[in-house]
Amino acid sequence: MGYEIPEPYVWDESFRVFYETLDTEHKGLFQGIFACIGENSQGNLDTLRDKVEKHFSTEEGMMKKNNYADYESHKKLHAEFVGKLAALSAPLDGPSVDYAKNWLVNHIKGIDFKYKGKLG
């Protein structure tokens, strides 16, 4: 299912997973993608990659600590996104930006929401 992409592209309460650290990092991912839209530079893309990798590490750590049942499949989705980002270089083309925007929105609302209340 495809979820509506916010415009402007910013985090709002509809993306809340109710873990403060993860919500804060999700906000940062939105900001990172938004920065790539505003100034389509290699520096912003590198910053986004760093934010993504840090967030995935945090989220996966929480999942593992709490024996989250879907940990392996969730981690695989993260790895696929990291791989896609690694293959990109600035300036990003429209389809790459759209992919990142759609992936994050649909991942949070379609996949991350499944761990609400299960990570301690």
PDB file of N, CA and C in Angstrom:
ATOM      1  N   MET A   1       0.843  -1.188   0.000  1.00  0.00           N
ATOM      2  CA  MET A   1       0.000   0.000   0.000  1.00  0.00           C
ATOM      3  C   MET A   1       0.878   1.237   0.000  1.00  0.00           C
ATOM      4  N   GLY A   2       0.529   2.187  -0.822  1.00  0.00           N
ATOM      5  CA  GLY A   2       1.283   3.429  -0.876  1.00  0.00           C
ATOM      6  C   GLY A   2       0.652   4.481   0.020  1.00  0.00           C
ATOM      7  N   TYR A   3       1.487   5.105   0.821  1.00  0.00           N
ATOM      8  CA  TYR A   3       1.024   6.160   1.719  1.00  0.00           C
ATOM      9  C   TYR A   3       1.290   7.512   1.085  1.00  0.00           C
ATOM     10  N   GLU A   4       0.498   8.491   1.469  1.00  0.00           N
ATOM     11  CA  GLU A   4       0.626   9.833   0.920  1.00  0.00           C
ATOM     12  C   GLU A   4       1.966  10.441   1.307  1.00  0.00           C
ATOM     13  N   ILE A   5       2.626  11.022   0.335  1.00  0.00           N
ATOM     14  CA  ILE A   5       3.915  11.676   0.555  1.00  0.00           C
ATOM     15  C   ILE A   5       3.638  13.118   0.970  1.00  0.00           C
ATOM     16  N   PRO A   6       4.132  13.515   2.158  1.00  0.00           N
ATOM     17  CA  PRO A   6       3.841  14.881   2.607  1.00  0.00           C
ATOM     18  C   PRO A   6       4.523  15.929   1.726  1.00  0.00           C
ATOM     19  N   GLU A   7       3.858  17.026   1.588  1.00  0.00           N
ATOM     20  CA  GLU A   7       4.403  18.147   0.828  1.00  0.00           C
ATOM     21  C   GLU A   7       4.120  19.408   1.612  1.00  0.00           C
ATOM     22  N   PRO A   8       5.084  20.144   2.139  1.00  0.00           N
ATOM     23  CA  PRO A   8       6.505  19.870   1.944  1.00  0.00           C
ATOM     24  C   PRO A   8       6.919  18.576   2.627  1.00  0.00           C
ATOM     25  N   TYR A   9       8.081  18.063   2.235  1.00  0.00           N
ATOM     26  CA  TYR A   9       8.548  16.768   2.706  1.00  0.00           C
ATOM     27  C   TYR A   9       9.166  16.904   4.095  1.00  0.00           C
ATOM     28  N   VAL A  10       8.307  16.845   5.104  1.00  0.00           N
ATOM     29  CA  VAL A  10       8.749  16.937   6.497  1.00  0.00           C
ATOM     30  C   VAL A  10       7.998  15.909   7.333  1.00  0.00           C
ATOM     31  N   TRP A  11       8.655  15.477   8.424  1.00  0.00           N
ATOM     32  CA  TRP A  11       8.051  14.553   9.377  1.00  0.00           C
ATOM     33  C   TRP A  11       6.895  15.254  10.078  1.00  0.00           C
ATOM     34  N   ASP A  12       5.817  14.513  10.338  1.00  0.00           N
ATOM     35  CA  ASP A  12       4.732  15.033  11.159  1.00  0.00           C
ATOM     36  C   ASP A  12       4.276  13.924  12.103  1.00  0.00           C
ATOM     37  N   GLU A  13       3.349  14.243  12.975  1.00  0.00           N
ATOM     38  CA  GLU A  13       2.907  13.300  14.011  1.00  0.00           C
ATOM     39  C   GLU A  13       2.348  11.990  13.459  1.00  0.00           C
ATOM     40  N   SER A  14       1.903  11.983  12.213  1.00  0.00           N
ATOM     41  CA  SER A  14       1.363  10.749  11.632  1.00  0.00           C
ATOM     42  C   SER A  14       2.447   9.680  11.453  1.00  0.00           C
ATOM     43  N   PHE A  15       3.731  10.071  11.580  1.00  0.00           N
ATOM     44  CA  PHE A  15       4.849   9.137  11.442  1.00  0.00           C
ATOM     45  C   PHE A  15       5.380   8.666  12.794  1.00  0.00           C
ATOM     46  N   ARG A  16       4.756   9.048  13.866  1.00  0.00           N
ATOM     47  CA  ARG A  16       5.255   8.773  15.210  1.00  0.00           C
ATOM     48  C   ARG A  16       5.205   7.275  15.525  1.00  0.00           C
ATOM     49  N   VAL A  17       6.343   6.743  15.991  1.00  0.00           N
ATOM     50  CA  VAL A  17       6.416   5.338  16.405  1.00  0.00           C
ATOM     51  C   VAL A  17       6.428   5.209  17.932  1.00  0.00           C
ATOM     52  N   PHE A  18       6.474   6.330  18.625  1.00  0.00           N
ATOM     53  CA  PHE A  18       6.385   6.396  20.094  1.00  0.00           C
ATOM     54  C   PHE A  18       7.626   5.875  20.813  1.00  0.00           C
ATOM     55  N   TYR A  19       8.767   5.962  20.148  1.00  0.00           N
ATOM     56  CA  TYR A  19      10.076   5.771  20.774  1.00  0.00           C
ATOM     57  C   TYR A  19      10.834   7.046  20.440  1.00  0.00           C
ATOM     58  N   GLU A  20      11.122   7.861  21.452  1.00  0.00           N
ATOM     59  CA  GLU A  20      11.645   9.204  21.220  1.00  0.00           C
ATOM     60  C   GLU A  20      12.898   9.203  20.347  1.00  0.00           C
ATOM     61  N   THR A  21      13.813   8.296  20.631  1.00  0.00           N
ATOM     62  CA  THR A  21      15.049   8.235  19.845  1.00  0.00           C
ATOM     63  C   THR A  21      14.740   7.975  18.375  1.00  0.00           C
ATOM     64  N   LEU A  22      13.878   7.010  18.118  1.00  0.00           N
ATOM     65  CA  LEU A  22      13.557   6.655  16.730  1.00  0.00           C
ATOM     66  C   LEU A  22      12.773   7.758  16.042  1.00  0.00           C
ATOM     67  N   ASP A  23      11.838   8.386  16.752  1.00  0.00           N
ATOM     68  CA  ASP A  23      11.102   9.499  16.150  1.00  0.00           C
ATOM     69  C   ASP A  23      12.047  10.646  15.801  1.00  0.00           C
ATOM     70  N   THR A  24      12.987  10.942  16.680  1.00  0.00           N
ATOM     71  CA  THR A  24      13.955  12.011  16.414  1.00  0.00           C
ATOM     72  C   THR A  24      14.814  11.659  15.202  1.00  0.00           C
ATOM     73  N   GLU A  25      15.254  10.418  15.134  1.00  0.00           N
ATOM     74  CA  GLU A  25      16.063  10.007  13.982  1.00  0.00           C
ATOM     75  C   GLU A  25      15.241   9.989  12.697  1.00  0.00           C
ATOM     76  N   HIS A  26      13.981   9.589  12.774  1.00  0.00           N
ATOM     77  CA  HIS A  26      13.123   9.642  11.587  1.00  0.00           C
ATOM     78  C   HIS A  26      12.996  11.084  11.095  1.00  0.00           C
ATOM     79  N   LYS A  27      12.834  12.022  12.019  1.00  0.00           N
ATOM     80  CA  LYS A  27      12.785  13.448  11.628  1.00  0.00           C
ATOM     81  C   LYS A  27      14.051  13.820  10.870  1.00  0.00           C
ATOM     82  N   GLY A  28      15.188  13.337  11.364  1.00  0.00           N
ATOM     83  CA  GLY A  28      16.459  13.618  10.708  1.00  0.00           C
ATOM     84  C   GLY A  28      16.548  13.036   9.306  1.00  0.00           C
ATOM     85  N   LEU A  29      15.947  11.871   9.097  1.00  0.00           N
ATOM     86  CA  LEU A  29      15.940  11.279   7.756  1.00  0.00           C
ATOM     87  C   LEU A  29      15.108  12.115   6.796  1.00  0.00           C
ATOM     88  N   PHE A  30      13.964  12.583   7.273  1.00  0.00           N
ATOM     89  CA  PHE A  30      13.162  13.494   6.445  1.00  0.00           C
ATOM     90  C   PHE A  30      13.970  14.740   6.111  1.00  0.00           C
ATOM     91  N   GLN A  31      14.647  15.302   7.109  1.00  0.00           N
ATOM     92  CA  GLN A  31      15.459  16.501   6.889  1.00  0.00           C
ATOM     93  C   GLN A  31      16.586  16.222   5.899  1.00  0.00           C
ATOM     94  N   GLY A  32      17.175  15.026   6.004  1.00  0.00           N
ATOM     95  CA  GLY A  32      18.256  14.673   5.091  1.00  0.00           C
ATOM     96  C   GLY A  32      17.798  14.572   3.648  1.00  0.00           C
ATOM     97  N   ILE A  33      16.644  13.961   3.432  1.00  0.00           N
ATOM     98  CA  ILE A  33      16.100  13.869   2.069  1.00  0.00           C
ATOM     99  C   ILE A  33      15.693  15.258   1.587  1.00  0.00           C
ATOM    100  N   PHE A  34      15.061  16.034   2.466  1.00  0.00           N
ATOM    101  CA  PHE A  34      14.643  17.396   2.104  1.00  0.00           C
ATOM    102  C   PHE A  34      15.868  18.237   1.709  1.00  0.00           C
ATOM    103  N   ALA A  35      16.975  18.073   2.435  1.00  0.00           N
ATOM    104  CA  ALA A  35      18.199  18.817   2.113  1.00  0.00           C
ATOM    105  C   ALA A  35      18.710  18.443   0.722  1.00  0.00           C
ATOM    106  N   CYS A  36      18.590  17.166   0.365  1.00  0.00           N
ATOM    107  CA  CYS A  36      19.015  16.727  -0.967  1.00  0.00           C
ATOM    108  C   CYS A  36      18.134  17.318  -2.062  1.00  0.00           C
ATOM    109  N   ILE A  37      16.890  17.589  -1.727  1.00  0.00           N
ATOM    110  CA  ILE A  37      15.986  18.228  -2.686  1.00  0.00           C
ATOM    111  C   ILE A  37      16.382  19.689  -2.850  1.00  0.00           C
ATOM    112  N   GLY A  38      16.651  20.355  -1.717  1.00  0.00           N
ATOM    113  CA  GLY A  38      16.952  21.785  -1.736  1.00  0.00           C
ATOM    114  C   GLY A  38      18.293  22.114  -2.353  1.00  0.00           C
ATOM    115  N   GLU A  39      19.331  21.428  -1.903  1.00  0.00           N
ATOM    116  CA  GLU A  39      20.670  21.616  -2.463  1.00  0.00           C
ATOM    117  C   GLU A  39      21.173  20.240  -2.835  1.00  0.00           C
ATOM    118  N   ASN A  40      21.047  19.919  -4.084  1.00  0.00           N
ATOM    119  CA  ASN A  40      21.334  18.580  -4.594  1.00  0.00           C
ATOM    120  C   ASN A  40      22.845  18.397  -4.716  1.00  0.00           C
ATOM    121  N   SER A  41      23.505  18.239  -3.548  1.00  0.00           N
ATOM    122  CA  SER A  41      24.969  18.169  -3.523  1.00  0.00           C
ATOM    123  C   SER A  41      25.442  16.829  -2.979  1.00  0.00           C
ATOM    124  N   GLN A  42      26.685  16.505  -3.277  1.00  0.00           N
ATOM    125  CA  GLN A  42      27.279  15.271  -2.761  1.00  0.00           C
ATOM    126  C   GLN A  42      27.377  15.335  -1.236  1.00  0.00           C
ATOM    127  N   GLY A  43      27.647  16.504  -0.690  1.00  0.00           N
ATOM    128  CA  GLY A  43      27.723  16.657   0.760  1.00  0.00           C
ATOM    129  C   GLY A  43      26.409  16.304   1.439  1.00  0.00           C
ATOM    130  N   ASN A  44      25.305  16.765   0.887  1.00  0.00           N
ATOM    131  CA  ASN A  44      23.996  16.439   1.466  1.00  0.00           C
ATOM    132  C   ASN A  44      23.673  14.962   1.299  1.00  0.00           C
ATOM    133  N   LEU A  45      24.053  14.382   0.184  1.00  0.00           N
ATOM    134  CA  LEU A  45      23.826  12.947  -0.019  1.00  0.00           C
ATOM    135  C   LEU A  45      24.659  12.134   0.979  1.00  0.00           C
ATOM    136  N   ASP A  46      25.905  12.527   1.181  1.00  0.00           N
ATOM    137  CA  ASP A  46      26.756  11.831   2.156  1.00  0.00           C
ATOM    138  C   ASP A  46      26.188  11.955   3.568  1.00  0.00           C
ATOM    139  N   THR A  47      25.683  13.136   3.920  1.00  0.00           N
ATOM    140  CA  THR A  47      25.070  13.339   5.231  1.00  0.00           C
ATOM    141  C   THR A  47      23.848  12.450   5.388  1.00  0.00           C
ATOM    142  N   LEU A  48      23.028  12.358   4.343  1.00  0.00           N
ATOM    143  CA  LEU A  48      21.855  11.491   4.378  1.00  0.00           C
ATOM    144  C   LEU A  48      22.279  10.041   4.595  1.00  0.00           C
ATOM    145  N   ARG A  49      23.272   9.582   3.868  1.00  0.00           N
ATOM    146  CA  ARG A  49      23.754   8.201   4.039  1.00  0.00           C
ATOM    147  C   ARG A  49      24.179   7.946   5.487  1.00  0.00           C
ATOM    148  N   ASP A  50      24.912   8.898   6.059  1.00  0.00           N
ATOM    149  CA  ASP A  50      25.355   8.750   7.449  1.00  0.00           C
ATOM    150  C   ASP A  50      24.168   8.666   8.406  1.00  0.00           C
ATOM    151  N   LYS A  51      23.173   9.530   8.204  1.00  0.00           N
ATOM    152  CA  LYS A  51      21.983   9.522   9.064  1.00  0.00           C
ATOM    153  C   LYS A  51      21.227   8.200   8.938  1.00  0.00           C
ATOM    154  N   VAL A  52      21.122   7.706   7.714  1.00  0.00           N
ATOM    155  CA  VAL A  52      20.417   6.445   7.465  1.00  0.00           C
ATOM    156  C   VAL A  52      21.132   5.298   8.181  1.00  0.00           C
ATOM    157  N   GLU A  53      22.438   5.214   8.018  1.00  0.00           N
ATOM    158  CA  GLU A  53      23.185   4.115   8.630  1.00  0.00           C
ATOM    159  C   GLU A  53      23.130   4.186  10.156  1.00  0.00           C
ATOM    160  N   LYS A  54      23.233   5.370  10.724  1.00  0.00           N
ATOM    161  CA  LYS A  54      23.153   5.529  12.178  1.00  0.00           C
ATOM    162  C   LYS A  54      21.763   5.118  12.675  1.00  0.00           C
ATOM    163  N   HIS A  55      20.739   5.587  11.980  1.00  0.00           N
ATOM    164  CA  HIS A  55      19.368   5.254  12.389  1.00  0.00           C
ATOM    165  C   HIS A  55      19.115   3.750  12.308  1.00  0.00           C
ATOM    166  N   PHE A  56      19.506   3.136  11.199  1.00  0.00           N
ATOM    167  CA  PHE A  56      19.267   1.703  11.056  1.00  0.00           C
ATOM    168  C   PHE A  56      19.994   0.925  12.144  1.00  0.00           C
ATOM    169  N   SER A  57      21.186   1.343  12.492  1.00  0.00           N
ATOM    170  CA  SER A  57      21.934   0.693  13.566  1.00  0.00           C
ATOM    171  C   SER A  57      21.188   0.815  14.897  1.00  0.00           C
ATOM    172  N   THR A  58      20.682   2.005  15.185  1.00  0.00           N
ATOM    173  CA  THR A  58      19.920   2.227  16.422  1.00  0.00           C
ATOM    174  C   THR A  58      18.668   1.366  16.446  1.00  0.00           C
ATOM    175  N   GLU A  59      17.899   1.415  15.367  1.00  0.00           N
ATOM    176  CA  GLU A  59      16.635   0.697  15.297  1.00  0.00           C
ATOM    177  C   GLU A  59      16.862  -0.814  15.375  1.00  0.00           C
ATOM    178  N   GLU A  60      17.830  -1.314  14.631  1.00  0.00           N
ATOM    179  CA  GLU A  60      18.117  -2.749  14.646  1.00  0.00           C
ATOM    180  C   GLU A  60      18.621  -3.185  16.023  1.00  0.00           C
ATOM    181  N   GLY A  61      19.379  -2.335  16.686  1.00  0.00           N
ATOM    182  CA  GLY A  61      19.835  -2.646  18.032  1.00  0.00           C
ATOM    183  C   GLY A  61      18.673  -2.790  19.003  1.00  0.00           C
ATOM    184  N   MET A  62      17.701  -1.898  18.890  1.00  0.00           N
ATOM    185  CA  MET A  62      16.509  -1.981  19.746  1.00  0.00           C
ATOM    186  C   MET A  62      15.721  -3.246  19.438  1.00  0.00           C
ATOM    187  N   MET A  63      15.622  -3.589  18.164  1.00  0.00           N
ATOM    188  CA  MET A  63      14.900  -4.798  17.776  1.00  0.00           C
ATOM    189  C   MET A  63      15.579  -6.043  18.345  1.00  0.00           C
ATOM    190  N   LYS A  64      16.882  -6.102  18.176  1.00  0.00           N
ATOM    191  CA  LYS A  64      17.627  -7.268  18.634  1.00  0.00           C
ATOM    192  C   LYS A  64      17.532  -7.403  20.155  1.00  0.00           C
ATOM    193  N   LYS A  65      17.686  -6.297  20.857  1.00  0.00           N
ATOM    194  CA  LYS A  65      17.622  -6.296  22.322  1.00  0.00           C
ATOM    195  C   LYS A  65      16.279  -6.811  22.827  1.00  0.00           C
ATOM    196  N   ASN A  66      15.226  -6.531  22.076  1.00  0.00           N
ATOM    197  CA  ASN A  66      13.875  -6.907  22.483  1.00  0.00           C
ATOM    198  C   ASN A  66      13.354  -8.141  21.754  1.00  0.00           C
ATOM    199  N   ASN A  67      14.252  -8.873  21.108  1.00  0.00           N
ATOM    200  CA  ASN A  67      13.886 -10.104  20.395  1.00  0.00           C
ATOM    201  C   ASN A  67      12.698  -9.900  19.456  1.00  0.00           C
ATOM    202  N   TYR A  68      12.754  -8.818  18.691  1.00  0.00           N
ATOM    203  CA  TYR A  68      11.677  -8.506  17.755  1.00  0.00           C
ATOM    204  C   TYR A  68      11.576  -9.604  16.694  1.00  0.00           C
ATOM    205  N   ALA A  69      10.410 -10.157  16.541  1.00  0.00           N
ATOM    206  CA  ALA A  69      10.197 -11.322  15.674  1.00  0.00           C
ATOM    207  C   ALA A  69      10.560 -11.074  14.211  1.00  0.00           C
ATOM    208  N   ASP A  70      10.323  -9.871  13.705  1.00  0.00           N
ATOM    209  CA  ASP A  70      10.583  -9.570  12.295  1.00  0.00           C
ATOM    210  C   ASP A  70      11.942  -8.912  12.064  1.00  0.00           C
ATOM    211  N   TYR A  71      12.851  -9.101  13.007  1.00  0.00           N
ATOM    212  CA  TYR A  71      14.165  -8.458  12.931  1.00  0.00           C
ATOM    213  C   TYR A  71      14.880  -8.750  11.612  1.00  0.00           C
ATOM    214  N   GLU A  72      14.998 -10.000  11.235  1.00  0.00           N
ATOM    215  CA  GLU A  72      15.773 -10.367  10.040  1.00  0.00           C
ATOM    216  C   GLU A  72      15.193  -9.761   8.766  1.00  0.00           C
ATOM    217  N   SER A  73      13.883  -9.839   8.592  1.00  0.00           N
ATOM    218  CA  SER A  73      13.282  -9.290   7.373  1.00  0.00           C
ATOM    219  C   SER A  73      13.372  -7.765   7.364  1.00  0.00           C
ATOM    220  N   HIS A  74      13.256  -7.160   8.535  1.00  0.00           N
ATOM    221  CA  HIS A  74      13.360  -5.700   8.647  1.00  0.00           C
ATOM    222  C   HIS A  74      14.782  -5.266   8.301  1.00  0.00           C
ATOM    223  N   LYS A  75      15.763  -5.974   8.849  1.00  0.00           N
ATOM    224  CA  LYS A  75      17.169  -5.661   8.587  1.00  0.00           C
ATOM    225  C   LYS A  75      17.480  -5.792   7.098  1.00  0.00           C
ATOM    226  N   LYS A  76      16.890  -6.770   6.434  1.00  0.00           N
ATOM    227  CA  LYS A  76      17.110  -6.957   4.998  1.00  0.00           C
ATOM    228  C   LYS A  76      16.590  -5.747   4.203  1.00  0.00           C
ATOM    229  N   LEU A  77      15.433  -5.230   4.585  1.00  0.00           N
ATOM    230  CA  LEU A  77      14.897  -4.034   3.916  1.00  0.00           C
ATOM    231  C   LEU A  77      15.829  -2.847   4.103  1.00  0.00           C
ATOM    232  N   HIS A  78      16.386  -2.716   5.302  1.00  0.00           N
ATOM    233  CA  HIS A  78      17.347  -1.648   5.561  1.00  0.00           C
ATOM    234  C   HIS A  78      18.568  -1.792   4.652  1.00  0.00           C
ATOM    235  N   ALA A  79      19.087  -3.011   4.564  1.00  0.00           N
ATOM    236  CA  ALA A  79      20.280  -3.257   3.751  1.00  0.00           C
ATOM    237  C   ALA A  79      20.035  -2.928   2.278  1.00  0.00           C
ATOM    238  N   GLU A  80      18.854  -3.247   1.788  1.00  0.00           N
ATOM    239  CA  GLU A  80      18.516  -2.939   0.394  1.00  0.00           C
ATOM    240  C   GLU A  80      18.505  -1.430   0.153  1.00  0.00           C
ATOM    241  N   PHE A  81      17.948  -0.671   1.114  1.00  0.00           N
ATOM    242  CA  PHE A  81      17.909   0.783   0.966  1.00  0.00           C
ATOM    243  C   PHE A  81      19.320   1.374   1.038  1.00  0.00           C
ATOM    244  N   VAL A  82      20.136   0.893   1.956  1.00  0.00           N
ATOM    245  CA  VAL A  82      21.523   1.362   2.060  1.00  0.00           C
ATOM    246  C   VAL A  82      22.248   1.095   0.741  1.00  0.00           C
ATOM    247  N   GLY A  83      22.011  -0.068   0.160  1.00  0.00           N
ATOM    248  CA  GLY A  83      22.622  -0.397  -1.123  1.00  0.00           C
ATOM    249  C   GLY A  83      22.200   0.544  -2.236  1.00  0.00           C
ATOM    250  N   LYS A  84      20.928   0.876  -2.265  1.00  0.00           N
ATOM    251  CA  LYS A  84      20.431   1.825  -3.281  1.00  0.00           C
ATOM    252  C   LYS A  84      21.081   3.190  -3.097  1.00  0.00           C
ATOM    253  N   LEU A  85      21.152   3.662  -1.826  1.00  0.00           N
ATOM    254  CA  LEU A  85      21.768   4.965  -1.565  1.00  0.00           C
ATOM    255  C   LEU A  85      23.248   4.960  -1.938  1.00  0.00           C
ATOM    256  N   ALA A  86      23.924   3.857  -1.675  1.00  0.00           N
ATOM    257  CA  ALA A  86      25.356   3.765  -1.962  1.00  0.00           C
ATOM    258  C   ALA A  86      25.640   3.878  -3.460  1.00  0.00           C
ATOM    259  N   ALA A  87      24.695   3.458  -4.277  1.00  0.00           N
ATOM    260  CA  ALA A  87      24.884   3.471  -5.724  1.00  0.00           C
ATOM    261  C   ALA A  87      24.633   4.851  -6.336  1.00  0.00           C
ATOM    262  N   LEU A  88      24.127   5.790  -5.544  1.00  0.00           N
ATOM    263  CA  LEU A  88      23.782   7.111  -6.065  1.00  0.00           C
ATOM    264  C   LEU A  88      24.945   8.083  -5.936  1.00  0.00           C
ATOM    265  N   SER A  89      24.923   9.084  -6.809  1.00  0.00           N
ATOM    266  CA  SER A  89      25.846  10.204  -6.674  1.00  0.00           C
ATOM    267  C   SER A  89      25.093  11.474  -7.038  1.00  0.00           C
ATOM    268  N   ALA A  90      25.552  12.570  -6.495  1.00  0.00           N
ATOM    269  CA  ALA A  90      24.902  13.857  -6.741  1.00  0.00           C
ATOM    270  C   ALA A  90      25.402  14.429  -8.064  1.00  0.00           C
ATOM    271  N   PRO A  91      24.590  15.186  -8.743  1.00  0.00           N
ATOM    272  CA  PRO A  91      23.222  15.524  -8.348  1.00  0.00           C
ATOM    273  C   PRO A  91      22.271  14.355  -8.590  1.00  0.00           C
ATOM    274  N   LEU A  92      21.328  14.191  -7.662  1.00  0.00           N
ATOM    275  CA  LEU A  92      20.330  13.130  -7.778  1.00  0.00           C
ATOM    276  C   LEU A  92      19.317  13.489  -8.852  1.00  0.00           C
ATOM    277  N   ASP A  93      18.883  12.495  -9.601  1.00  0.00           N
ATOM    278  CA  ASP A  93      17.824  12.736 -10.574  1.00  0.00           C
ATOM    279  C   ASP A  93      16.466  12.617  -9.877  1.00  0.00           C
ATOM    280  N   GLY A  94      15.435  13.090 -10.533  1.00  0.00           N
ATOM    281  CA  GLY A  94      14.080  13.087  -9.969  1.00  0.00           C
ATOM    282  C   GLY A  94      13.622  11.717  -9.501  1.00  0.00           C
ATOM    283  N   PRO A  95      13.787  10.664 -10.317  1.00  0.00           N
ATOM    284  CA  PRO A  95      13.351   9.339  -9.878  1.00  0.00           C
ATOM    285  C   PRO A  95      14.072   8.854  -8.608  1.00  0.00           C
ATOM    286  N   SER A  96      15.343   9.200  -8.446  1.00  0.00           N
ATOM    287  CA  SER A  96      16.075   8.787  -7.240  1.00  0.00           C
ATOM    288  C   SER A  96      15.543   9.505  -6.008  1.00  0.00           C
ATOM    289  N   VAL A  97      15.263  10.793  -6.136  1.00  0.00           N
ATOM    290  CA  VAL A  97      14.690  11.557  -5.023  1.00  0.00           C
ATOM    291  C   VAL A  97      13.309  11.003  -4.682  1.00  0.00           C
ATOM    292  N   ASP A  98      12.498  10.762  -5.702  1.00  0.00           N
ATOM    293  CA  ASP A  98      11.159  10.217  -5.469  1.00  0.00           C
ATOM    294  C   ASP A  98      11.226   8.855  -4.798  1.00  0.00           C
ATOM    295  N   TYR A  99      12.180   8.025  -5.213  1.00  0.00           N
ATOM    296  CA  TYR A  99      12.357   6.711  -4.603  1.00  0.00           C
ATOM    297  C   TYR A  99      12.637   6.855  -3.112  1.00  0.00           C
ATOM    298  N   ALA A 100      13.583   7.715  -2.753  1.00  0.00           N
ATOM    299  CA  ALA A 100      13.949   7.905  -1.344  1.00  0.00           C
ATOM    300  C   ALA A 100      12.768   8.435  -0.539  1.00  0.00           C
ATOM    301  N   LYS A 101      12.057   9.396  -1.082  1.00  0.00           N
ATOM    302  CA  LYS A 101      10.894   9.964  -0.384  1.00  0.00           C
ATOM    303  C   LYS A 101       9.839   8.883  -0.151  1.00  0.00           C
ATOM    304  N   ASN A 102       9.513   8.158  -1.192  1.00  0.00           N
ATOM    305  CA  ASN A 102       8.498   7.108  -1.091  1.00  0.00           C
ATOM    306  C   ASN A 102       8.939   5.978  -0.170  1.00  0.00           C
ATOM    307  N   TRP A 103      10.207   5.581  -0.280  1.00  0.00           N
ATOM    308  CA  TRP A 103      10.702   4.481   0.536  1.00  0.00           C
ATOM    309  C   TRP A 103      10.559   4.814   2.017  1.00  0.00           C
ATOM    310  N   LEU A 104      10.999   5.994   2.419  1.00  0.00           N
ATOM    311  CA  LEU A 104      10.958   6.347   3.833  1.00  0.00           C
ATOM    312  C   LEU A 104       9.526   6.403   4.358  1.00  0.00           C
ATOM    313  N   VAL A 105       8.632   7.065   3.652  1.00  0.00           N
ATOM    314  CA  VAL A 105       7.238   7.170   4.086  1.00  0.00           C
ATOM    315  C   VAL A 105       6.607   5.790   4.206  1.00  0.00           C
ATOM    316  N   ASN A 106       6.769   4.972   3.178  1.00  0.00           N
ATOM    317  CA  ASN A 106       6.141   3.648   3.179  1.00  0.00           C
ATOM    318  C   ASN A 106       6.812   2.694   4.163  1.00  0.00           C
ATOM    319  N   HIS A 107       8.101   2.861   4.385  1.00  0.00           N
ATOM    320  CA  HIS A 107       8.795   2.017   5.352  1.00  0.00           C
ATOM    321  C   HIS A 107       8.328   2.331   6.777  1.00  0.00           C
ATOM    322  N   ILE A 108       8.260   3.602   7.104  1.00  0.00           N
ATOM    323  CA  ILE A 108       7.827   3.958   8.458  1.00  0.00           C
ATOM    324  C   ILE A 108       6.392   3.497   8.692  1.00  0.00           C
ATOM    325  N   LYS A 109       5.499   3.898   7.809  1.00  0.00           N
ATOM    326  CA  LYS A 109       4.077   3.610   8.045  1.00  0.00           C
ATOM    327  C   LYS A 109       3.704   2.154   7.776  1.00  0.00           C
ATOM    328  N   GLY A 110       4.397   1.501   6.871  1.00  0.00           N
ATOM    329  CA  GLY A 110       4.041   0.132   6.528  1.00  0.00           C
ATOM    330  C   GLY A 110       4.834  -0.937   7.261  1.00  0.00           C
ATOM    331  N   ILE A 111       6.077  -0.616   7.639  1.00  0.00           N
ATOM    332  CA  ILE A 111       6.959  -1.612   8.257  1.00  0.00           C
ATOM    333  C   ILE A 111       7.270  -1.244   9.711  1.00  0.00           C
ATOM    334  N   ASP A 112       7.765  -0.034   9.944  1.00  0.00           N
ATOM    335  CA  ASP A 112       8.137   0.361  11.307  1.00  0.00           C
ATOM    336  C   ASP A 112       6.941   0.363  12.253  1.00  0.00           C
ATOM    337  N   PHE A 113       5.777   0.726  11.766  1.00  0.00           N
ATOM    338  CA  PHE A 113       4.598   0.759  12.639  1.00  0.00           C
ATOM    339  C   PHE A 113       4.310  -0.622  13.260  1.00  0.00           C
ATOM    340  N   LYS A 114       4.811  -1.677  12.642  1.00  0.00           N
ATOM    341  CA  LYS A 114       4.577  -3.019  13.171  1.00  0.00           C
ATOM    342  C   LYS A 114       5.313  -3.257  14.476  1.00  0.00           C
ATOM    343  N   TYR A 115       6.357  -2.480  14.758  1.00  0.00           N
ATOM    344  CA  TYR A 115       7.078  -2.674  16.028  1.00  0.00           C
ATOM    345  C   TYR A 115       6.592  -1.765  17.150  1.00  0.00           C
ATOM    346  N   LYS A 116       5.585  -0.951  16.896  1.00  0.00           N
ATOM    347  CA  LYS A 116       5.047  -0.100  17.958  1.00  0.00           C
ATOM    348  C   LYS A 116       4.671  -0.966  19.161  1.00  0.00           C
ATOM    349  N   GLY A 117       5.139  -0.549  20.337  1.00  0.00           N
ATOM    350  CA  GLY A 117       4.802  -1.257  21.566  1.00  0.00           C
ATOM    351  C   GLY A 117       5.574  -2.548  21.781  1.00  0.00           C
ATOM    352  N   LYS A 118       6.526  -2.877  20.901  1.00  0.00           N
ATOM    353  CA  LYS A 118       7.242  -4.161  21.000  1.00  0.00           C
ATOM    354  C   LYS A 118       8.744  -4.011  21.261  1.00  0.00           C
ATOM    355  N   LEU A 119       9.225  -2.777  21.394  1.00  0.00           N
ATOM    356  CA  LEU A 119      10.653  -2.566  21.549  1.00  0.00           C
ATOM    357  C   LEU A 119      11.033  -2.063  22.934  1.00  0.00           C
ATOM    358  N   GLY A 120      10.230  -2.354  23.904  1.00  0.00           N
ATOM    359  CA  GLY A 120      10.552  -2.001  25.290  1.00  0.00           C
ATOM    360  C   GLY A 120      10.063  -0.658  25.738  1.00  0.00           C
TER     361      GLY A 120
END
